[in-house]
Amino acid sequence: MAVEAAAHAGGGRDRPPAVAALDLLLKAGKDARQVRSDAEAEDVLLLGTCLWRAENRPAWRERRLRMLTVIIDGLRADPPRER
């Protein structure tokens, strides 16, 4: 919920700080040709909320890591093939 609130902070006026910061990171990755050109900050934040919503139990640690890997691999300009 905190991530969602940060993504919407600012009441629609300027870019919320969390989105603006992620925009800068994504731009740097795109400029370096390491991040896919169509990646948008709001999309990445929305995808990331699944990590905070997953149950906080030891059995879910591996699942969270797997989910994060899918998100990161999906941002790559040239995603790795299935291992």
N, C-alpha and C. Protein backbone atom coordinates (compact mmCIF):
# COMPACT_ATOMS: atom_id res chain seq x y z
N MET A 1 0.81 -1.19 0.00
CA MET A 1 0.00 0.00 0.00
C MET A 1 0.86 1.26 0.00
N ALA A 2 1.98 1.20 0.68
CA ALA A 2 2.86 2.37 0.71
C ALA A 2 3.41 2.67 -0.68
N VAL A 3 3.72 1.63 -1.44
CA VAL A 3 4.23 1.84 -2.80
C VAL A 3 3.15 2.46 -3.67
N GLU A 4 1.92 1.97 -3.54
CA GLU A 4 0.81 2.54 -4.31
C GLU A 4 0.60 4.01 -3.94
N ALA A 5 0.67 4.31 -2.64
CA ALA A 5 0.49 5.70 -2.20
C ALA A 5 1.60 6.58 -2.75
N ALA A 6 2.84 6.07 -2.76
CA ALA A 6 3.97 6.85 -3.30
C ALA A 6 3.81 7.07 -4.80
N ALA A 7 3.22 6.10 -5.48
CA ALA A 7 3.03 6.22 -6.92
C ALA A 7 1.97 7.24 -7.28
N HIS A 8 1.05 7.50 -6.35
CA HIS A 8 -0.04 8.43 -6.61
C HIS A 8 0.11 9.75 -5.84
N ALA A 9 1.16 9.90 -5.07
CA ALA A 9 1.36 11.12 -4.28
C ALA A 9 1.47 12.32 -5.21
N GLY A 10 1.04 13.43 -4.75
CA GLY A 10 1.14 14.65 -5.54
C GLY A 10 -0.20 15.10 -6.10
N GLY A 11 -1.24 14.30 -5.91
CA GLY A 11 -2.58 14.70 -6.31
C GLY A 11 -2.75 15.00 -7.79
N GLY A 12 -1.95 14.35 -8.63
CA GLY A 12 -2.10 14.53 -10.06
C GLY A 12 -1.44 15.76 -10.63
N ARG A 13 -0.77 16.55 -9.77
CA ARG A 13 -0.13 17.77 -10.27
C ARG A 13 1.17 17.40 -10.99
N ASP A 14 2.22 17.25 -10.28
CA ASP A 14 3.50 16.87 -10.85
C ASP A 14 3.66 15.36 -10.75
N ARG A 15 4.71 14.87 -11.33
CA ARG A 15 5.00 13.44 -11.19
C ARG A 15 5.32 13.15 -9.74
N PRO A 16 4.68 12.14 -9.14
CA PRO A 16 5.02 11.77 -7.76
C PRO A 16 6.52 11.45 -7.67
N PRO A 17 7.14 11.74 -6.53
CA PRO A 17 8.58 11.53 -6.40
C PRO A 17 9.03 10.10 -6.72
N ALA A 18 8.27 9.10 -6.30
CA ALA A 18 8.66 7.71 -6.57
C ALA A 18 8.65 7.43 -8.07
N VAL A 19 7.66 7.95 -8.77
CA VAL A 19 7.56 7.75 -10.22
C VAL A 19 8.66 8.53 -10.93
N ALA A 20 8.90 9.74 -10.50
CA ALA A 20 9.96 10.56 -11.11
C ALA A 20 11.33 9.90 -10.93
N ALA A 21 11.60 9.36 -9.76
CA ALA A 21 12.88 8.69 -9.51
C ALA A 21 13.01 7.44 -10.38
N LEU A 22 11.95 6.67 -10.47
CA LEU A 22 11.99 5.47 -11.29
C LEU A 22 12.12 5.83 -12.77
N ASP A 23 11.49 6.93 -13.18
CA ASP A 23 11.66 7.41 -14.56
C ASP A 23 13.14 7.66 -14.86
N LEU A 24 13.84 8.29 -13.93
CA LEU A 24 15.27 8.57 -14.13
C LEU A 24 16.08 7.29 -14.26
N LEU A 25 15.77 6.31 -13.40
CA LEU A 25 16.48 5.03 -13.46
C LEU A 25 16.21 4.30 -14.78
N LEU A 26 14.94 4.29 -15.18
CA LEU A 26 14.60 3.63 -16.44
C LEU A 26 15.24 4.34 -17.63
N LYS A 27 15.26 5.68 -17.60
CA LYS A 27 15.89 6.43 -18.70
C LYS A 27 17.37 6.09 -18.81
N ALA A 28 18.04 6.00 -17.68
CA ALA A 28 19.46 5.65 -17.70
C ALA A 28 19.65 4.25 -18.28
N GLY A 29 18.80 3.33 -17.90
CA GLY A 29 18.88 1.96 -18.43
C GLY A 29 18.57 1.92 -19.92
N LYS A 30 17.60 2.71 -20.36
CA LYS A 30 17.27 2.78 -21.79
C LYS A 30 18.42 3.39 -22.58
N ASP A 31 19.00 4.47 -22.04
CA ASP A 31 20.13 5.12 -22.71
C ASP A 31 21.31 4.16 -22.85
N ALA A 32 21.46 3.27 -21.88
CA ALA A 32 22.54 2.29 -21.92
C ALA A 32 22.14 1.03 -22.70
N ARG A 33 20.92 1.05 -23.23
CA ARG A 33 20.37 -0.07 -24.01
C ARG A 33 20.30 -1.36 -23.21
N GLN A 34 20.05 -1.21 -21.91
CA GLN A 34 19.91 -2.37 -21.04
C GLN A 34 18.47 -2.59 -20.62
N VAL A 35 17.65 -1.56 -20.77
CA VAL A 35 16.23 -1.64 -20.40
C VAL A 35 15.40 -1.45 -21.67
N ARG A 36 14.36 -2.24 -21.79
CA ARG A 36 13.50 -2.16 -22.99
C ARG A 36 12.93 -0.75 -23.13
N SER A 37 12.76 -0.32 -24.35
CA SER A 37 12.38 1.06 -24.63
C SER A 37 10.94 1.39 -24.22
N ASP A 38 10.08 0.40 -24.10
CA ASP A 38 8.68 0.68 -23.77
C ASP A 38 8.36 0.57 -22.28
N ALA A 39 9.38 0.36 -21.44
CA ALA A 39 9.16 0.26 -20.00
C ALA A 39 8.78 1.62 -19.43
N GLU A 40 7.70 1.64 -18.64
CA GLU A 40 7.25 2.89 -18.02
C GLU A 40 7.22 2.72 -16.50
N ALA A 41 7.53 3.80 -15.81
CA ALA A 41 7.64 3.77 -14.35
C ALA A 41 6.36 3.27 -13.68
N GLU A 42 5.22 3.78 -14.12
CA GLU A 42 3.96 3.38 -13.49
C GLU A 42 3.72 1.87 -13.63
N ASP A 43 4.09 1.32 -14.79
CA ASP A 43 3.92 -0.11 -15.01
C ASP A 43 4.82 -0.92 -14.07
N VAL A 44 6.07 -0.46 -13.94
CA VAL A 44 7.01 -1.17 -13.08
C VAL A 44 6.55 -1.13 -11.62
N LEU A 45 6.07 0.02 -11.17
CA LEU A 45 5.56 0.12 -9.81
C LEU A 45 4.37 -0.79 -9.60
N LEU A 46 3.47 -0.84 -10.56
CA LEU A 46 2.30 -1.70 -10.44
C LEU A 46 2.71 -3.17 -10.37
N LEU A 47 3.64 -3.57 -11.23
CA LEU A 47 4.13 -4.95 -11.18
C LEU A 47 4.80 -5.25 -9.84
N GLY A 48 5.55 -4.29 -9.33
CA GLY A 48 6.25 -4.50 -8.07
C GLY A 48 5.34 -4.66 -6.86
N THR A 49 4.11 -4.19 -6.96
CA THR A 49 3.22 -4.32 -5.80
C THR A 49 2.93 -5.78 -5.45
N CYS A 50 3.08 -6.66 -6.42
CA CYS A 50 2.84 -8.08 -6.12
C CYS A 50 3.84 -8.59 -5.09
N LEU A 51 5.02 -8.02 -5.04
CA LEU A 51 6.04 -8.47 -4.10
C LEU A 51 5.67 -8.11 -2.66
N TRP A 52 5.05 -6.95 -2.48
CA TRP A 52 4.67 -6.52 -1.13
C TRP A 52 3.37 -7.17 -0.68
N ARG A 53 2.58 -7.63 -1.63
CA ARG A 53 1.29 -8.23 -1.28
C ARG A 53 1.40 -9.72 -1.00
N ALA A 54 2.50 -10.33 -1.39
CA ALA A 54 2.68 -11.76 -1.15
C ALA A 54 2.77 -12.01 0.36
N GLU A 55 2.31 -13.15 0.76
CA GLU A 55 2.30 -13.47 2.19
C GLU A 55 3.70 -13.42 2.77
N ASN A 56 3.80 -13.00 4.02
CA ASN A 56 5.08 -12.87 4.69
C ASN A 56 5.38 -14.14 5.48
N ARG A 57 5.66 -15.19 4.76
CA ARG A 57 6.00 -16.47 5.37
C ARG A 57 7.25 -17.01 4.70
N PRO A 58 8.02 -17.82 5.41
CA PRO A 58 9.26 -18.35 4.83
C PRO A 58 9.05 -19.06 3.49
N ALA A 59 7.94 -19.76 3.35
CA ALA A 59 7.68 -20.49 2.10
C ALA A 59 7.54 -19.55 0.91
N TRP A 60 7.22 -18.30 1.15
CA TRP A 60 7.01 -17.34 0.06
C TRP A 60 8.29 -16.62 -0.34
N ARG A 61 9.36 -16.78 0.42
CA ARG A 61 10.62 -16.10 0.07
C ARG A 61 11.10 -16.51 -1.31
N GLU A 62 11.07 -17.79 -1.59
CA GLU A 62 11.49 -18.29 -2.89
C GLU A 62 10.55 -17.78 -3.99
N ARG A 63 9.27 -17.74 -3.70
CA ARG A 63 8.31 -17.26 -4.69
C ARG A 63 8.55 -15.78 -4.98
N ARG A 64 8.82 -14.97 -3.95
CA ARG A 64 9.10 -13.55 -4.16
C ARG A 64 10.33 -13.36 -5.04
N LEU A 65 11.37 -14.13 -4.78
CA LEU A 65 12.59 -14.03 -5.58
C LEU A 65 12.30 -14.40 -7.03
N ARG A 66 11.52 -15.43 -7.23
CA ARG A 66 11.15 -15.85 -8.58
C ARG A 66 10.33 -14.74 -9.28
N MET A 67 9.39 -14.15 -8.56
CA MET A 67 8.57 -13.08 -9.13
C MET A 67 9.43 -11.86 -9.47
N LEU A 68 10.35 -11.50 -8.60
CA LEU A 68 11.24 -10.37 -8.86
C LEU A 68 12.11 -10.64 -10.08
N THR A 69 12.57 -11.87 -10.22
CA THR A 69 13.38 -12.24 -11.38
C THR A 69 12.58 -12.09 -12.67
N VAL A 70 11.32 -12.48 -12.65
CA VAL A 70 10.47 -12.32 -13.83
C VAL A 70 10.32 -10.84 -14.18
N ILE A 71 10.11 -10.00 -13.16
CA ILE A 71 9.96 -8.56 -13.41
C ILE A 71 11.25 -7.98 -13.99
N ILE A 72 12.38 -8.28 -13.36
CA ILE A 72 13.67 -7.75 -13.83
C ILE A 72 13.99 -8.25 -15.23
N ASP A 73 13.80 -9.54 -15.47
CA ASP A 73 14.07 -10.09 -16.80
C ASP A 73 13.16 -9.45 -17.85
N GLY A 74 11.93 -9.14 -17.46
CA GLY A 74 11.00 -8.51 -18.38
C GLY A 74 11.39 -7.09 -18.74
N LEU A 75 12.18 -6.44 -17.92
CA LEU A 75 12.65 -5.08 -18.20
C LEU A 75 13.88 -5.04 -19.09
N ARG A 76 14.56 -6.15 -19.18
CA ARG A 76 15.81 -6.18 -19.96
C ARG A 76 15.53 -5.95 -21.44
N ALA A 77 16.43 -5.21 -22.08
CA ALA A 77 16.30 -4.96 -23.51
C ALA A 77 16.38 -6.26 -24.29
N ASP A 78 17.20 -7.17 -23.84
CA ASP A 78 17.33 -8.49 -24.47
C ASP A 78 17.18 -9.53 -23.38
N PRO A 79 15.92 -9.92 -23.06
CA PRO A 79 15.71 -10.83 -21.92
C PRO A 79 16.40 -12.17 -22.12
N PRO A 80 16.92 -12.73 -21.03
CA PRO A 80 17.58 -14.04 -21.13
C PRO A 80 16.55 -15.13 -21.44
N ARG A 81 17.00 -16.15 -22.09
CA ARG A 81 16.13 -17.30 -22.37
C ARG A 81 15.95 -18.11 -21.10
N GLU A 82 14.91 -18.89 -21.07
CA GLU A 82 14.64 -19.73 -19.89
C GLU A 82 15.86 -20.58 -19.59
N ARG A 83 16.20 -20.64 -18.31
CA ARG A 83 17.42 -21.35 -17.89
C ARG A 83 17.19 -22.82 -17.80
